[in-house]
């Protein structure tokens, strides 16, 4: 029978998987003539010419309402970086339903497979997404290149690398047993969903608050800060590229009272 036949079960992994040893992401210098400086300047120039249309992302689907808010440069209020679609109370309920629908399947993933999604996200942020997230932080928060590099690149990469290692340590914690009894502790996701409300001035925290609980098997409703919507949207798109399944994190711009 050919190995590609769908009826052939995949072999189980019999070893004990270990996440890669995390190391802190080196801070790039952005010195004159450096490749990172040239790449960042090019992305800043192209992003400043764009006006991004930011939808909600609920259950993996983009939703637009036409009720728009604006993300502007703090240092140039007339320069609109993006228009984002506000969620209504109905959309909030839709996001909650999507999170709860996705919860069971996501929680039943092997934790190593969930960790692989965020390790992949770290790799993407290290490489192809680095200057997009840095540039969106600089233009959306008026940060310098060094402030953005430390916050939106290095710290968030570190979160996504170290969190799986910490999860591995947590799952390894087990109670003592005796010869007559083998005690075992099972770690389960929370009931319901996690509501992540993220700040306007800290890209790495905005990326960590929804993803840390997701790593542990929880589904999330994420409300990014209205005045710093651009980098939140790019983080969400990065996570989708990393393989995050639909509904596990739902991106819901809008007022908290909704």
C-alpha atoms as a PDB file:
ATOM      1  CA  UNK A   1       0.000   0.000   0.000  1.00  0.00           C
ATOM      2  CA  UNK A   2       1.521   3.379  -0.962  1.00  0.00           C
ATOM      3  CA  UNK A   3       2.611   5.608   1.901  1.00  0.00           C
ATOM      4  CA  UNK A   4       0.498   8.440   0.527  1.00  0.00           C
ATOM      5  CA  UNK A   5      -2.716   6.447   0.937  1.00  0.00           C
ATOM      6  CA  UNK A   6      -4.994   8.353   3.342  1.00  0.00           C
ATOM      7  CA  UNK A   7      -6.075   5.073   4.961  1.00  0.00           C
ATOM      8  CA  UNK A   8      -2.584   4.449   6.316  1.00  0.00           C
ATOM      9  CA  UNK A   9      -2.320   5.822   9.880  1.00  0.00           C
ATOM     10  CA  UNK A  10       0.631   8.029  10.638  1.00  0.00           C
ATOM     11  CA  UNK A  11       3.151   6.562  13.037  1.00  0.00           C
ATOM     12  CA  UNK A  12       3.021   8.024  16.523  1.00  0.00           C
ATOM     13  CA  UNK A  13       6.021   9.909  17.836  1.00  0.00           C
ATOM     14  CA  UNK A  14       7.616   7.623  20.393  1.00  0.00           C
ATOM     15  CA  UNK A  15      10.312   9.946  21.695  1.00  0.00           C
ATOM     16  CA  UNK A  16      10.101  12.719  24.272  1.00  0.00           C
ATOM     17  CA  UNK A  17      10.049  15.950  22.327  1.00  0.00           C
ATOM     18  CA  UNK A  18      12.052  18.899  23.599  1.00  0.00           C
ATOM     19  CA  UNK A  19      11.512  22.449  22.390  1.00  0.00           C
ATOM     20  CA  UNK A  20      14.645  24.189  21.082  1.00  0.00           C
ATOM     21  CA  UNK A  21      16.735  25.824  23.778  1.00  0.00           C
ATOM     22  CA  UNK A  22      15.636  29.475  23.743  1.00  0.00           C
ATOM     23  CA  UNK A  23      18.184  32.237  23.377  1.00  0.00           C
ATOM     24  CA  UNK A  24      17.597  35.981  23.435  1.00  0.00           C
ATOM     25  CA  UNK A  25      17.273  37.562  20.013  1.00  0.00           C
ATOM     26  CA  UNK A  26      20.292  39.801  19.309  1.00  0.00           C
ATOM     27  CA  UNK A  27      19.487  43.488  18.900  1.00  0.00           C
ATOM     28  CA  UNK A  28      20.525  44.744  15.487  1.00  0.00           C
ATOM     29  CA  UNK A  29      22.629  47.910  15.369  1.00  0.00           C
ATOM     30  CA  UNK A  30      21.025  49.750  12.426  1.00  0.00           C
ATOM     31  CA  UNK A  31      24.408  51.331  11.829  1.00  0.00           C
ATOM     32  CA  UNK A  32      24.953  53.410   8.714  1.00  0.00           C
ATOM     33  CA  UNK A  33      25.373  51.125   5.729  1.00  0.00           C
ATOM     34  CA  UNK A  34      23.962  48.051   7.510  1.00  0.00           C
ATOM     35  CA  UNK A  35      21.451  45.847   5.656  1.00  0.00           C
ATOM     36  CA  UNK A  36      18.886  46.148   8.452  1.00  0.00           C
ATOM     37  CA  UNK A  37      19.008  49.946   8.252  1.00  0.00           C
ATOM     38  CA  UNK A  38      18.400  49.865   4.508  1.00  0.00           C
ATOM     39  CA  UNK A  39      15.548  47.357   4.882  1.00  0.00           C
ATOM     40  CA  UNK A  40      13.878  49.377   7.637  1.00  0.00           C
ATOM     41  CA  UNK A  41      14.152  52.662   5.729  1.00  0.00           C
ATOM     42  CA  UNK A  42      12.605  51.032   2.669  1.00  0.00           C
ATOM     43  CA  UNK A  43       9.706  49.596   4.681  1.00  0.00           C
ATOM     44  CA  UNK A  44       9.111  52.902   6.466  1.00  0.00           C
ATOM     45  CA  UNK A  45       8.923  54.677   3.121  1.00  0.00           C
ATOM     46  CA  UNK A  46       6.524  52.158   1.595  1.00  0.00           C
ATOM     47  CA  UNK A  47       4.325  51.926   4.693  1.00  0.00           C
ATOM     48  CA  UNK A  48       4.030  55.708   4.948  1.00  0.00           C
ATOM     49  CA  UNK A  49       2.516  55.683   1.454  1.00  0.00           C
ATOM     50  CA  UNK A  50      -0.050  53.016   2.341  1.00  0.00           C
ATOM     51  CA  UNK A  51      -3.474  53.382   3.912  1.00  0.00           C
ATOM     52  CA  UNK A  52      -4.308  49.925   5.178  1.00  0.00           C
ATOM     53  CA  UNK A  53      -7.887  48.678   5.470  1.00  0.00           C
ATOM     54  CA  UNK A  54      -8.015  46.668   8.717  1.00  0.00           C
ATOM     55  CA  UNK A  55     -10.942  44.267   9.174  1.00  0.00           C
ATOM     56  CA  UNK A  56     -11.958  42.209  12.144  1.00  0.00           C
ATOM     57  CA  UNK A  57     -10.713  38.627  11.912  1.00  0.00           C
ATOM     58  CA  UNK A  58     -13.250  36.306  13.525  1.00  0.00           C
ATOM     59  CA  UNK A  59     -13.089  32.560  13.057  1.00  0.00           C
ATOM     60  CA  UNK A  60     -10.472  33.129  10.386  1.00  0.00           C
ATOM     61  CA  UNK A  61     -12.774  35.341   8.306  1.00  0.00           C
ATOM     62  CA  UNK A  62     -12.258  39.028   7.580  1.00  0.00           C
ATOM     63  CA  UNK A  63     -15.285  41.138   8.518  1.00  0.00           C
ATOM     64  CA  UNK A  64     -15.832  44.763   7.525  1.00  0.00           C
ATOM     65  CA  UNK A  65     -18.560  46.976   8.951  1.00  0.00           C
ATOM     66  CA  UNK A  66     -17.936  50.336   7.318  1.00  0.00           C
ATOM     67  CA  UNK A  67     -17.985  51.937  10.782  1.00  0.00           C
ATOM     68  CA  UNK A  68     -14.410  53.148  10.679  1.00  0.00           C
ATOM     69  CA  UNK A  69     -11.810  54.357  13.115  1.00  0.00           C
ATOM     70  CA  UNK A  70      -8.447  55.735  12.068  1.00  0.00           C
ATOM     71  CA  UNK A  71      -4.888  54.919  13.056  1.00  0.00           C
ATOM     72  CA  UNK A  72      -2.749  58.045  12.653  1.00  0.00           C
ATOM     73  CA  UNK A  73       0.879  58.909  13.220  1.00  0.00           C
ATOM     74  CA  UNK A  74       1.249  60.413  16.732  1.00  0.00           C
ATOM     75  CA  UNK A  75       3.860  62.807  15.341  1.00  0.00           C
ATOM     76  CA  UNK A  76       1.706  63.769  12.325  1.00  0.00           C
ATOM     77  CA  UNK A  77      -2.000  63.583  13.150  1.00  0.00           C
ATOM     78  CA  UNK A  78      -3.017  64.405   9.582  1.00  0.00           C
ATOM     79  CA  UNK A  79      -1.280  61.303   8.277  1.00  0.00           C
ATOM     80  CA  UNK A  80      -3.684  58.351   8.402  1.00  0.00           C
ATOM     81  CA  UNK A  81      -1.926  54.986   8.383  1.00  0.00           C
ATOM     82  CA  UNK A  82      -4.992  52.760   8.434  1.00  0.00           C
ATOM     83  CA  UNK A  83      -8.763  52.611   8.629  1.00  0.00           C
ATOM     84  CA  UNK A  84     -10.094  49.937  10.943  1.00  0.00           C
ATOM     85  CA  UNK A  85     -13.582  48.496  11.178  1.00  0.00           C
ATOM     86  CA  UNK A  86     -15.280  48.796  14.563  1.00  0.00           C
ATOM     87  CA  UNK A  87     -16.952  45.798  16.113  1.00  0.00           C
ATOM     88  CA  UNK A  88     -20.557  45.991  17.283  1.00  0.00           C
ATOM     89  CA  UNK A  89     -21.902  44.003  20.252  1.00  0.00           C
ATOM     90  CA  UNK A  90     -23.098  41.412  17.724  1.00  0.00           C
ATOM     91  CA  UNK A  91     -19.545  40.988  16.440  1.00  0.00           C
ATOM     92  CA  UNK A  92     -18.260  40.535  19.980  1.00  0.00           C
ATOM     93  CA  UNK A  93     -20.765  37.719  20.499  1.00  0.00           C
ATOM     94  CA  UNK A  94     -19.707  36.271  17.149  1.00  0.00           C
ATOM     95  CA  UNK A  95     -16.060  36.315  18.262  1.00  0.00           C
ATOM     96  CA  UNK A  96     -16.929  34.625  21.550  1.00  0.00           C
ATOM     97  CA  UNK A  97     -18.857  31.945  19.675  1.00  0.00           C
ATOM     98  CA  UNK A  98     -15.929  31.427  17.291  1.00  0.00           C
ATOM     99  CA  UNK A  99     -13.502  31.131  20.195  1.00  0.00           C
ATOM    100  CA  UNK A 100     -15.665  28.605  21.998  1.00  0.00           C
ATOM    101  CA  UNK A 101     -16.198  26.628  18.797  1.00  0.00           C
ATOM    102  CA  UNK A 102     -12.442  26.405  18.204  1.00  0.00           C
ATOM    103  CA  UNK A 103     -11.569  25.717  21.837  1.00  0.00           C
ATOM    104  CA  UNK A 104     -12.042  21.961  22.034  1.00  0.00           C
ATOM    105  CA  UNK A 105      -9.991  21.081  18.974  1.00  0.00           C
ATOM    106  CA  UNK A 106      -7.188  23.511  19.860  1.00  0.00           C
ATOM    107  CA  UNK A 107      -7.008  22.317  23.468  1.00  0.00           C
ATOM    108  CA  UNK A 108      -6.695  18.728  22.232  1.00  0.00           C
ATOM    109  CA  UNK A 109      -3.657  19.487  20.113  1.00  0.00           C
ATOM    110  CA  UNK A 110      -0.437  18.120  21.570  1.00  0.00           C
ATOM    111  CA  UNK A 111       1.142  21.028  23.414  1.00  0.00           C
ATOM    112  CA  UNK A 112       4.304  20.576  21.346  1.00  0.00           C
ATOM    113  CA  UNK A 113       2.269  21.179  18.181  1.00  0.00           C
ATOM    114  CA  UNK A 114       0.799  24.363  19.631  1.00  0.00           C
ATOM    115  CA  UNK A 115       4.311  25.425  20.617  1.00  0.00           C
ATOM    116  CA  UNK A 116       5.479  24.819  17.051  1.00  0.00           C
ATOM    117  CA  UNK A 117       3.049  27.477  15.794  1.00  0.00           C
ATOM    118  CA  UNK A 118       4.581  30.147  18.017  1.00  0.00           C
ATOM    119  CA  UNK A 119       8.149  29.017  17.397  1.00  0.00           C
ATOM    120  CA  UNK A 120       7.354  29.402  13.715  1.00  0.00           C
ATOM    121  CA  UNK A 121       5.941  32.867  14.448  1.00  0.00           C
ATOM    122  CA  UNK A 122       9.212  33.770  16.175  1.00  0.00           C
ATOM    123  CA  UNK A 123      11.158  32.644  13.124  1.00  0.00           C
ATOM    124  CA  UNK A 124       8.963  34.713  10.802  1.00  0.00           C
ATOM    125  CA  UNK A 125       9.401  37.775  13.003  1.00  0.00           C
ATOM    126  CA  UNK A 126      13.144  37.194  13.038  1.00  0.00           C
ATOM    127  CA  UNK A 127      13.229  37.195   9.241  1.00  0.00           C
ATOM    128  CA  UNK A 128      10.568  38.253   6.735  1.00  0.00           C
ATOM    129  CA  UNK A 129       8.221  40.119   9.099  1.00  0.00           C
ATOM    130  CA  UNK A 130      10.806  41.949  11.191  1.00  0.00           C
ATOM    131  CA  UNK A 131      10.863  45.307   9.428  1.00  0.00           C
ATOM    132  CA  UNK A 132       7.111  45.350   8.782  1.00  0.00           C
ATOM    133  CA  UNK A 133       6.383  45.056  12.501  1.00  0.00           C
ATOM    134  CA  UNK A 134       9.219  47.451  13.373  1.00  0.00           C
ATOM    135  CA  UNK A 135       8.042  50.055  10.860  1.00  0.00           C
ATOM    136  CA  UNK A 136       4.422  49.814  12.017  1.00  0.00           C
ATOM    137  CA  UNK A 137       5.607  50.367  15.599  1.00  0.00           C
ATOM    138  CA  UNK A 138       7.721  53.379  14.643  1.00  0.00           C
ATOM    139  CA  UNK A 139       4.988  55.042  12.594  1.00  0.00           C
ATOM    140  CA  UNK A 140       2.145  54.051  14.914  1.00  0.00           C
ATOM    141  CA  UNK A 141       3.846  54.827  18.249  1.00  0.00           C
ATOM    142  CA  UNK A 142       6.515  57.384  17.269  1.00  0.00           C
ATOM    143  CA  UNK A 143       9.290  55.095  18.481  1.00  0.00           C
ATOM    144  CA  UNK A 144      12.869  55.235  17.262  1.00  0.00           C
ATOM    145  CA  UNK A 145      14.475  52.404  15.331  1.00  0.00           C
ATOM    146  CA  UNK A 146      16.218  51.161  18.484  1.00  0.00           C
ATOM    147  CA  UNK A 147      13.050  51.346  20.601  1.00  0.00           C
ATOM    148  CA  UNK A 148      11.098  49.446  17.960  1.00  0.00           C
ATOM    149  CA  UNK A 149      13.834  46.860  17.452  1.00  0.00           C
ATOM    150  CA  UNK A 150      13.959  46.108  21.177  1.00  0.00           C
ATOM    151  CA  UNK A 151      10.177  46.098  21.657  1.00  0.00           C
ATOM    152  CA  UNK A 152       8.431  44.848  18.556  1.00  0.00           C
ATOM    153  CA  UNK A 153      11.168  42.538  17.289  1.00  0.00           C
ATOM    154  CA  UNK A 154      13.475  41.230  20.016  1.00  0.00           C
ATOM    155  CA  UNK A 155      11.115  41.136  23.011  1.00  0.00           C
ATOM    156  CA  UNK A 156       8.261  39.556  21.077  1.00  0.00           C
ATOM    157  CA  UNK A 157      10.597  37.022  19.495  1.00  0.00           C
ATOM    158  CA  UNK A 158      11.830  36.196  23.001  1.00  0.00           C
ATOM    159  CA  UNK A 159       8.268  35.754  24.272  1.00  0.00           C
ATOM    160  CA  UNK A 160       7.506  33.321  21.470  1.00  0.00           C
ATOM    161  CA  UNK A 161      10.728  31.368  22.035  1.00  0.00           C
ATOM    162  CA  UNK A 162      10.839  31.302  25.828  1.00  0.00           C
ATOM    163  CA  UNK A 163       7.123  30.687  26.462  1.00  0.00           C
ATOM    164  CA  UNK A 164       7.240  27.181  24.921  1.00  0.00           C
ATOM    165  CA  UNK A 165      10.267  26.377  27.084  1.00  0.00           C
ATOM    166  CA  UNK A 166       8.422  27.580  30.190  1.00  0.00           C
ATOM    167  CA  UNK A 167       5.370  25.551  29.159  1.00  0.00           C
ATOM    168  CA  UNK A 168       7.573  22.487  28.842  1.00  0.00           C
ATOM    169  CA  UNK A 169       8.886  23.028  32.368  1.00  0.00           C
ATOM    170  CA  UNK A 170       5.347  23.473  33.683  1.00  0.00           C
ATOM    171  CA  UNK A 171       4.013  20.319  32.032  1.00  0.00           C
ATOM    172  CA  UNK A 172       6.973  18.364  33.430  1.00  0.00           C
ATOM    173  CA  UNK A 173       5.956  19.234  37.009  1.00  0.00           C
ATOM    174  CA  UNK A 174       4.323  16.119  38.471  1.00  0.00           C
ATOM    175  CA  UNK A 175       3.415  15.076  42.022  1.00  0.00           C
ATOM    176  CA  UNK A 176       5.395  12.520  43.973  1.00  0.00           C
ATOM    177  CA  UNK A 177       4.287   8.898  43.767  1.00  0.00           C
ATOM    178  CA  UNK A 178       4.770   5.722  45.779  1.00  0.00           C
ATOM    179  CA  UNK A 179       5.414   2.126  44.734  1.00  0.00           C
ATOM    180  CA  UNK A 180       1.710   1.445  45.167  1.00  0.00           C
ATOM    181  CA  UNK A 181       0.376   4.568  43.446  1.00  0.00           C
ATOM    182  CA  UNK A 182       1.389   6.564  40.380  1.00  0.00           C
ATOM    183  CA  UNK A 183       0.137  10.130  40.754  1.00  0.00           C
ATOM    184  CA  UNK A 184      -0.287  12.130  37.568  1.00  0.00           C
ATOM    185  CA  UNK A 185      -1.260  15.758  36.997  1.00  0.00           C
ATOM    186  CA  UNK A 186      -3.117  16.713  33.828  1.00  0.00           C
ATOM    187  CA  UNK A 187      -2.969  20.339  32.667  1.00  0.00           C
ATOM    188  CA  UNK A 188      -6.104  21.540  30.910  1.00  0.00           C
ATOM    189  CA  UNK A 189      -7.172  24.733  29.201  1.00  0.00           C
ATOM    190  CA  UNK A 190      -9.551  27.124  30.941  1.00  0.00           C
ATOM    191  CA  UNK A 191     -13.278  26.838  30.411  1.00  0.00           C
ATOM    192  CA  UNK A 192     -14.729  29.468  28.105  1.00  0.00           C
ATOM    193  CA  UNK A 193     -12.240  31.857  26.508  1.00  0.00           C
ATOM    194  CA  UNK A 194      -9.581  34.448  27.369  1.00  0.00           C
ATOM    195  CA  UNK A 195     -10.269  38.146  26.752  1.00  0.00           C
ATOM    196  CA  UNK A 196      -7.021  39.948  25.917  1.00  0.00           C
ATOM    197  CA  UNK A 197      -7.104  43.775  26.042  1.00  0.00           C
ATOM    198  CA  UNK A 198      -3.725  45.037  24.894  1.00  0.00           C
ATOM    199  CA  UNK A 199      -1.962  48.392  25.412  1.00  0.00           C
ATOM    200  CA  UNK A 200      -1.282  51.065  22.813  1.00  0.00           C
ATOM    201  CA  UNK A 201       2.400  51.567  23.588  1.00  0.00           C
ATOM    202  CA  UNK A 202       3.968  48.119  23.830  1.00  0.00           C
ATOM    203  CA  UNK A 203       4.035  45.921  20.741  1.00  0.00           C
ATOM    204  CA  UNK A 204       5.622  42.935  22.461  1.00  0.00           C
ATOM    205  CA  UNK A 205       2.989  42.904  25.217  1.00  0.00           C
ATOM    206  CA  UNK A 206       0.272  43.302  22.602  1.00  0.00           C
ATOM    207  CA  UNK A 207       1.597  40.188  20.910  1.00  0.00           C
ATOM    208  CA  UNK A 208       2.162  38.229  24.110  1.00  0.00           C
ATOM    209  CA  UNK A 209      -1.147  38.757  25.921  1.00  0.00           C
ATOM    210  CA  UNK A 210      -3.235  36.835  23.369  1.00  0.00           C
ATOM    211  CA  UNK A 211      -0.598  34.261  22.418  1.00  0.00           C
ATOM    212  CA  UNK A 212       0.590  33.107  25.863  1.00  0.00           C
ATOM    213  CA  UNK A 213      -2.848  31.736  26.834  1.00  0.00           C
ATOM    214  CA  UNK A 214      -3.287  30.341  23.314  1.00  0.00           C
ATOM    215  CA  UNK A 215      -0.050  28.382  23.722  1.00  0.00           C
ATOM    216  CA  UNK A 216      -1.569  26.700  26.779  1.00  0.00           C
ATOM    217  CA  UNK A 217      -4.626  25.581  24.808  1.00  0.00           C
ATOM    218  CA  UNK A 218      -6.996  28.479  25.377  1.00  0.00           C
ATOM    219  CA  UNK A 219      -8.975  30.291  22.692  1.00  0.00           C
ATOM    220  CA  UNK A 220      -8.806  34.080  22.758  1.00  0.00           C
ATOM    221  CA  UNK A 221     -10.802  37.197  21.927  1.00  0.00           C
ATOM    222  CA  UNK A 222      -8.265  39.965  21.332  1.00  0.00           C
ATOM    223  CA  UNK A 223      -9.166  43.665  21.544  1.00  0.00           C
ATOM    224  CA  UNK A 224      -6.197  45.715  20.329  1.00  0.00           C
ATOM    225  CA  UNK A 225      -5.783  49.373  21.250  1.00  0.00           C
ATOM    226  CA  UNK A 226      -7.650  51.642  18.859  1.00  0.00           C
ATOM    227  CA  UNK A 227      -4.898  54.216  18.414  1.00  0.00           C
ATOM    228  CA  UNK A 228      -2.258  51.573  17.692  1.00  0.00           C
ATOM    229  CA  UNK A 229      -4.167  49.242  15.432  1.00  0.00           C
ATOM    230  CA  UNK A 230      -1.655  48.826  12.631  1.00  0.00           C
ATOM    231  CA  UNK A 231       0.976  46.717  14.369  1.00  0.00           C
ATOM    232  CA  UNK A 232      -1.725  44.576  15.982  1.00  0.00           C
ATOM    233  CA  UNK A 233      -3.134  43.757  12.568  1.00  0.00           C
ATOM    234  CA  UNK A 234       0.286  42.806  11.234  1.00  0.00           C
ATOM    235  CA  UNK A 235       0.898  40.546  14.241  1.00  0.00           C
ATOM    236  CA  UNK A 236      -2.403  38.806  13.552  1.00  0.00           C
ATOM    237  CA  UNK A 237      -1.489  38.255   9.899  1.00  0.00           C
ATOM    238  CA  UNK A 238       1.925  36.937  10.946  1.00  0.00           C
ATOM    239  CA  UNK A 239       0.257  34.426  13.276  1.00  0.00           C
ATOM    240  CA  UNK A 240      -2.002  33.254  10.475  1.00  0.00           C
ATOM    241  CA  UNK A 241       1.051  32.685   8.277  1.00  0.00           C
ATOM    242  CA  UNK A 242       2.670  30.752  11.133  1.00  0.00           C
ATOM    243  CA  UNK A 243      -0.207  28.271  11.058  1.00  0.00           C
ATOM    244  CA  UNK A 244      -2.524  29.451  13.833  1.00  0.00           C
ATOM    245  CA  UNK A 245      -5.895  27.768  13.157  1.00  0.00           C
ATOM    246  CA  UNK A 246      -9.018  29.911  12.610  1.00  0.00           C
ATOM    247  CA  UNK A 247     -10.867  30.969  15.744  1.00  0.00           C
ATOM    248  CA  UNK A 248      -8.091  30.307  18.226  1.00  0.00           C
ATOM    249  CA  UNK A 249      -7.316  34.038  18.355  1.00  0.00           C
ATOM    250  CA  UNK A 250     -10.051  36.404  17.178  1.00  0.00           C
ATOM    251  CA  UNK A 251      -8.976  39.958  16.319  1.00  0.00           C
ATOM    252  CA  UNK A 252     -11.779  42.343  17.327  1.00  0.00           C
ATOM    253  CA  UNK A 253     -11.078  46.103  17.027  1.00  0.00           C
ATOM    254  CA  UNK A 254     -13.576  48.372  18.723  1.00  0.00           C
ATOM    255  CA  UNK A 255     -14.630  50.074  21.918  1.00  0.00           C
ATOM    256  CA  UNK A 256     -14.280  48.089  25.131  1.00  0.00           C
ATOM    257  CA  UNK A 257     -17.889  48.894  26.031  1.00  0.00           C
ATOM    258  CA  UNK A 258     -19.057  46.936  22.966  1.00  0.00           C
END
